[in-house]
């Protein structure tokens, strides 16, 4: 990836796979409560985005990530999911449907 490109941070591998499947560049954090700071610092050269999960853990993860990146001179933009959608993987399935084999 090049400096300044858009990169999406996801809470978990399922959301990350959905982001990648929709053509976005993405990485996953292990969970809402585990923030691997040593790895996260390497992401500060990108335009960072996140679709926070629509639960307390997801909102808390966004707040903690945002604080971390602000302290390291980088912004993290929260993208909004439609109302009633739990996370990006659910959004992807409802938008693009399940692929039949």
N, C-alpha and C. Protein backbone atom coordinates (compact mmCIF):
# COMPACT_ATOMS: atom_id res chain seq x y z
N UNK A 1 0.83 -1.19 0.00
CA UNK A 1 0.00 0.00 0.00
C UNK A 1 0.87 1.24 0.00
N UNK A 2 0.31 2.30 -0.55
CA UNK A 2 1.03 3.56 -0.62
C UNK A 2 0.62 4.48 0.52
N UNK A 3 1.53 5.37 0.87
CA UNK A 3 1.28 6.39 1.89
C UNK A 3 -0.02 7.12 1.57
N UNK A 4 -0.88 7.27 2.56
CA UNK A 4 -2.11 8.04 2.41
C UNK A 4 -3.29 7.30 1.81
N UNK A 5 -3.12 6.03 1.46
CA UNK A 5 -4.25 5.27 0.92
C UNK A 5 -5.26 4.97 2.02
N UNK A 6 -6.52 4.77 1.62
CA UNK A 6 -7.57 4.40 2.56
C UNK A 6 -7.34 2.98 3.06
N UNK A 7 -7.49 2.80 4.37
CA UNK A 7 -7.37 1.49 4.99
C UNK A 7 -8.45 1.38 6.06
N UNK A 8 -9.18 0.28 6.02
CA UNK A 8 -10.25 0.04 6.98
C UNK A 8 -9.78 -0.91 8.06
N UNK A 9 -10.04 -0.54 9.31
CA UNK A 9 -9.76 -1.39 10.46
C UNK A 9 -11.07 -2.05 10.85
N UNK A 10 -11.05 -3.36 11.02
CA UNK A 10 -12.28 -4.06 11.39
C UNK A 10 -12.10 -4.77 12.72
N UNK A 11 -13.22 -4.95 13.38
CA UNK A 11 -13.25 -5.68 14.65
C UNK A 11 -13.54 -7.15 14.33
N UNK A 12 -12.50 -7.91 14.09
CA UNK A 12 -12.66 -9.33 13.80
C UNK A 12 -12.47 -9.68 12.33
N UNK A 13 -12.17 -10.94 12.11
CA UNK A 13 -11.83 -11.43 10.78
C UNK A 13 -13.02 -11.44 9.83
N UNK A 14 -14.23 -11.73 10.33
CA UNK A 14 -15.40 -11.80 9.45
C UNK A 14 -15.68 -10.46 8.80
N UNK A 15 -15.64 -9.39 9.59
CA UNK A 15 -15.83 -8.05 9.03
C UNK A 15 -14.71 -7.70 8.07
N UNK A 16 -13.50 -8.10 8.39
CA UNK A 16 -12.36 -7.83 7.52
C UNK A 16 -12.55 -8.52 6.16
N UNK A 17 -12.97 -9.76 6.17
CA UNK A 17 -13.21 -10.49 4.92
C UNK A 17 -14.31 -9.83 4.10
N UNK A 18 -15.35 -9.34 4.76
CA UNK A 18 -16.43 -8.65 4.06
C UNK A 18 -15.92 -7.35 3.44
N UNK A 19 -15.09 -6.61 4.16
CA UNK A 19 -14.51 -5.38 3.61
C UNK A 19 -13.64 -5.69 2.40
N UNK A 20 -12.80 -6.70 2.52
CA UNK A 20 -11.95 -7.10 1.40
C UNK A 20 -12.79 -7.55 0.20
N UNK A 21 -13.86 -8.28 0.46
CA UNK A 21 -14.73 -8.75 -0.61
C UNK A 21 -15.44 -7.61 -1.33
N UNK A 22 -15.63 -6.50 -0.63
CA UNK A 22 -16.27 -5.35 -1.27
C UNK A 22 -15.26 -4.41 -1.92
N UNK A 23 -13.99 -4.85 -1.98
CA UNK A 23 -12.97 -4.09 -2.69
C UNK A 23 -12.20 -3.09 -1.86
N UNK A 24 -12.41 -3.09 -0.56
CA UNK A 24 -11.70 -2.16 0.32
C UNK A 24 -10.43 -2.84 0.85
N UNK A 25 -9.43 -2.04 1.14
CA UNK A 25 -8.22 -2.55 1.80
C UNK A 25 -8.49 -2.54 3.29
N UNK A 26 -8.22 -3.66 3.96
CA UNK A 26 -8.63 -3.79 5.35
C UNK A 26 -7.69 -4.67 6.15
N UNK A 27 -7.66 -4.41 7.45
CA UNK A 27 -6.96 -5.24 8.42
C UNK A 27 -7.91 -5.48 9.59
N UNK A 28 -7.68 -6.56 10.33
CA UNK A 28 -8.54 -6.88 11.46
C UNK A 28 -7.77 -6.75 12.76
N UNK A 29 -8.47 -6.26 13.79
CA UNK A 29 -7.94 -6.35 15.15
C UNK A 29 -8.59 -7.59 15.76
N UNK A 30 -7.93 -8.22 16.73
CA UNK A 30 -8.44 -9.49 17.26
C UNK A 30 -9.83 -9.39 17.89
N UNK A 31 -10.10 -8.30 18.60
CA UNK A 31 -11.40 -8.11 19.25
C UNK A 31 -11.52 -6.66 19.68
N UNK A 32 -12.68 -6.32 20.20
CA UNK A 32 -12.92 -4.95 20.65
C UNK A 32 -12.08 -4.59 21.86
N UNK A 33 -11.64 -5.59 22.61
CA UNK A 33 -10.91 -5.32 23.85
C UNK A 33 -9.40 -5.52 23.73
N UNK A 34 -8.95 -6.11 22.64
CA UNK A 34 -7.52 -6.33 22.44
C UNK A 34 -7.03 -5.40 21.34
N UNK A 35 -6.23 -4.42 21.71
CA UNK A 35 -5.70 -3.46 20.74
C UNK A 35 -4.19 -3.61 20.68
N UNK A 36 -3.68 -4.27 19.64
CA UNK A 36 -2.23 -4.52 19.52
C UNK A 36 -1.48 -3.25 19.13
N UNK A 37 -1.10 -2.45 20.13
CA UNK A 37 -0.54 -1.13 19.88
C UNK A 37 0.72 -1.17 19.02
N UNK A 38 1.57 -2.15 19.20
CA UNK A 38 2.80 -2.23 18.41
C UNK A 38 2.49 -2.35 16.92
N UNK A 39 1.45 -3.10 16.59
CA UNK A 39 1.05 -3.25 15.19
C UNK A 39 0.27 -2.03 14.70
N UNK A 40 -0.57 -1.47 15.56
CA UNK A 40 -1.39 -0.33 15.15
C UNK A 40 -0.55 0.88 14.76
N UNK A 41 0.56 1.08 15.44
CA UNK A 41 1.40 2.25 15.16
C UNK A 41 1.88 2.24 13.71
N UNK A 42 2.00 1.06 13.13
CA UNK A 42 2.45 0.95 11.74
C UNK A 42 1.40 1.44 10.74
N UNK A 43 0.17 1.61 11.19
CA UNK A 43 -0.92 2.01 10.30
C UNK A 43 -1.10 3.51 10.18
N UNK A 44 -0.35 4.27 10.93
CA UNK A 44 -0.60 5.71 10.99
C UNK A 44 -0.28 6.46 9.70
N UNK A 45 0.33 5.82 8.73
CA UNK A 45 0.63 6.50 7.46
C UNK A 45 -0.52 6.41 6.46
N UNK A 46 -1.63 5.78 6.86
CA UNK A 46 -2.78 5.62 5.97
C UNK A 46 -3.96 6.45 6.44
N UNK A 47 -4.93 6.66 5.54
CA UNK A 47 -6.20 7.28 5.91
C UNK A 47 -7.05 6.17 6.52
N UNK A 48 -7.23 6.23 7.82
CA UNK A 48 -7.86 5.12 8.53
C UNK A 48 -9.36 5.33 8.70
N UNK A 49 -10.10 4.25 8.48
CA UNK A 49 -11.55 4.23 8.61
C UNK A 49 -11.94 3.01 9.43
N UNK A 50 -13.13 3.09 10.03
CA UNK A 50 -13.67 1.94 10.74
C UNK A 50 -15.20 1.99 10.66
N UNK A 51 -15.81 0.84 10.50
CA UNK A 51 -17.25 0.68 10.66
C UNK A 51 -17.43 0.04 12.03
N UNK A 52 -17.63 0.85 13.09
CA UNK A 52 -17.74 0.24 14.42
C UNK A 52 -18.95 -0.69 14.50
N UNK A 53 -18.76 -1.84 15.16
CA UNK A 53 -19.91 -2.70 15.44
C UNK A 53 -20.92 -1.90 16.24
N UNK A 54 -22.19 -2.16 16.00
CA UNK A 54 -23.25 -1.39 16.64
C UNK A 54 -23.65 -1.99 17.98
N UNK A 55 -22.66 -2.14 18.84
CA UNK A 55 -22.89 -2.58 20.22
C UNK A 55 -21.92 -1.82 21.11
N UNK A 56 -22.06 -2.01 22.42
CA UNK A 56 -21.20 -1.27 23.35
C UNK A 56 -19.73 -1.57 23.13
N UNK A 57 -19.40 -2.84 22.89
CA UNK A 57 -18.00 -3.21 22.68
C UNK A 57 -17.45 -2.53 21.43
N UNK A 58 -18.23 -2.46 20.38
CA UNK A 58 -17.79 -1.81 19.14
C UNK A 58 -17.58 -0.32 19.32
N UNK A 59 -18.50 0.33 20.03
CA UNK A 59 -18.34 1.77 20.29
C UNK A 59 -17.12 2.03 21.16
N UNK A 60 -16.90 1.19 22.16
CA UNK A 60 -15.73 1.34 23.03
C UNK A 60 -14.44 1.10 22.25
N UNK A 61 -14.44 0.12 21.37
CA UNK A 61 -13.26 -0.13 20.54
C UNK A 61 -12.95 1.09 19.69
N UNK A 62 -13.97 1.69 19.09
CA UNK A 62 -13.76 2.90 18.28
C UNK A 62 -13.18 4.03 19.13
N UNK A 63 -13.74 4.26 20.29
CA UNK A 63 -13.25 5.33 21.17
C UNK A 63 -11.79 5.10 21.53
N UNK A 64 -11.45 3.87 21.91
CA UNK A 64 -10.07 3.57 22.30
C UNK A 64 -9.11 3.68 21.12
N UNK A 65 -9.52 3.19 19.96
CA UNK A 65 -8.68 3.32 18.76
C UNK A 65 -8.49 4.78 18.38
N UNK A 66 -9.57 5.54 18.43
CA UNK A 66 -9.49 6.97 18.08
C UNK A 66 -8.51 7.69 19.01
N UNK A 67 -8.60 7.43 20.31
CA UNK A 67 -7.67 8.04 21.28
C UNK A 67 -6.23 7.64 20.96
N UNK A 68 -6.03 6.36 20.67
CA UNK A 68 -4.69 5.88 20.35
C UNK A 68 -4.13 6.62 19.15
N UNK A 69 -4.91 6.71 18.08
CA UNK A 69 -4.39 7.33 16.86
C UNK A 69 -4.23 8.84 17.01
N UNK A 70 -5.11 9.50 17.75
CA UNK A 70 -4.93 10.93 18.01
C UNK A 70 -3.61 11.15 18.74
N UNK A 71 -3.31 10.31 19.72
CA UNK A 71 -2.05 10.42 20.46
C UNK A 71 -0.83 10.17 19.58
N UNK A 72 -1.05 9.53 18.43
CA UNK A 72 0.04 9.26 17.49
C UNK A 72 -0.13 10.05 16.19
N UNK A 73 -0.85 11.19 16.30
CA UNK A 73 -0.96 12.18 15.21
C UNK A 73 -1.62 11.63 13.95
N UNK A 74 -2.63 10.82 14.14
CA UNK A 74 -3.38 10.26 13.02
C UNK A 74 -4.86 10.27 13.37
N UNK A 75 -5.69 10.44 12.36
CA UNK A 75 -7.13 10.42 12.58
C UNK A 75 -7.71 9.07 12.16
N UNK A 76 -8.78 8.69 12.81
CA UNK A 76 -9.54 7.49 12.49
C UNK A 76 -10.98 7.94 12.27
N UNK A 77 -11.48 7.73 11.06
CA UNK A 77 -12.84 8.17 10.73
C UNK A 77 -13.82 7.02 10.91
N UNK A 78 -14.87 7.27 11.68
CA UNK A 78 -15.93 6.27 11.85
C UNK A 78 -16.91 6.40 10.70
N UNK A 79 -17.13 5.30 10.00
CA UNK A 79 -18.13 5.25 8.93
C UNK A 79 -19.42 4.72 9.54
N UNK A 80 -20.54 5.14 9.00
CA UNK A 80 -21.84 4.78 9.57
C UNK A 80 -22.50 3.63 8.82
N UNK A 81 -22.89 2.63 9.56
CA UNK A 81 -23.68 1.53 9.01
C UNK A 81 -25.15 1.92 9.04
N UNK A 82 -25.96 1.34 8.15
CA UNK A 82 -27.40 1.62 8.20
C UNK A 82 -28.00 1.19 9.54
N UNK A 83 -29.07 1.86 9.94
CA UNK A 83 -29.72 1.53 11.20
C UNK A 83 -30.19 0.08 11.20
N UNK A 84 -29.97 -0.59 12.31
CA UNK A 84 -30.40 -1.97 12.46
C UNK A 84 -29.39 -3.01 11.98
N UNK A 85 -28.28 -2.56 11.41
CA UNK A 85 -27.24 -3.47 10.94
C UNK A 85 -26.17 -3.58 12.02
N UNK A 86 -25.88 -4.81 12.47
CA UNK A 86 -24.97 -5.03 13.60
C UNK A 86 -23.51 -4.71 13.27
N UNK A 87 -23.03 -5.18 12.10
CA UNK A 87 -21.63 -4.99 11.76
C UNK A 87 -21.46 -5.03 10.24
N UNK A 88 -20.22 -4.84 9.77
CA UNK A 88 -20.01 -4.76 8.33
C UNK A 88 -20.30 -6.08 7.62
N UNK A 89 -20.03 -7.20 8.25
CA UNK A 89 -20.31 -8.48 7.58
C UNK A 89 -21.81 -8.66 7.36
N UNK A 90 -22.63 -8.25 8.32
CA UNK A 90 -24.08 -8.31 8.14
C UNK A 90 -24.51 -7.36 7.02
N UNK A 91 -23.92 -6.17 6.99
CA UNK A 91 -24.22 -5.22 5.92
C UNK A 91 -23.86 -5.81 4.56
N UNK A 92 -22.71 -6.44 4.47
CA UNK A 92 -22.27 -7.03 3.20
C UNK A 92 -23.24 -8.11 2.74
N UNK A 93 -23.65 -8.97 3.65
CA UNK A 93 -24.57 -10.06 3.29
C UNK A 93 -25.93 -9.50 2.85
N UNK A 94 -26.44 -8.50 3.58
CA UNK A 94 -27.75 -7.95 3.21
C UNK A 94 -27.68 -7.13 1.93
N UNK A 95 -26.52 -6.57 1.63
CA UNK A 95 -26.38 -5.75 0.42
C UNK A 95 -26.08 -6.60 -0.81
N UNK A 96 -25.15 -7.53 -0.68
CA UNK A 96 -24.69 -8.30 -1.83
C UNK A 96 -25.24 -9.72 -1.86
N UNK A 97 -25.85 -10.16 -0.78
CA UNK A 97 -26.42 -11.49 -0.71
C UNK A 97 -25.37 -12.57 -0.57
N UNK A 98 -25.83 -13.73 -0.23
CA UNK A 98 -24.92 -14.88 -0.12
C UNK A 98 -24.68 -15.44 -1.50
N UNK A 99 -23.45 -15.81 -1.76
CA UNK A 99 -23.09 -16.41 -3.04
C UNK A 99 -23.34 -17.90 -2.97
N UNK A 100 -24.12 -18.42 -3.90
CA UNK A 100 -24.40 -19.85 -3.95
C UNK A 100 -23.32 -20.54 -4.76
N UNK A 101 -22.93 -21.74 -4.33
CA UNK A 101 -21.91 -22.51 -5.05
C UNK A 101 -22.52 -23.27 -6.19
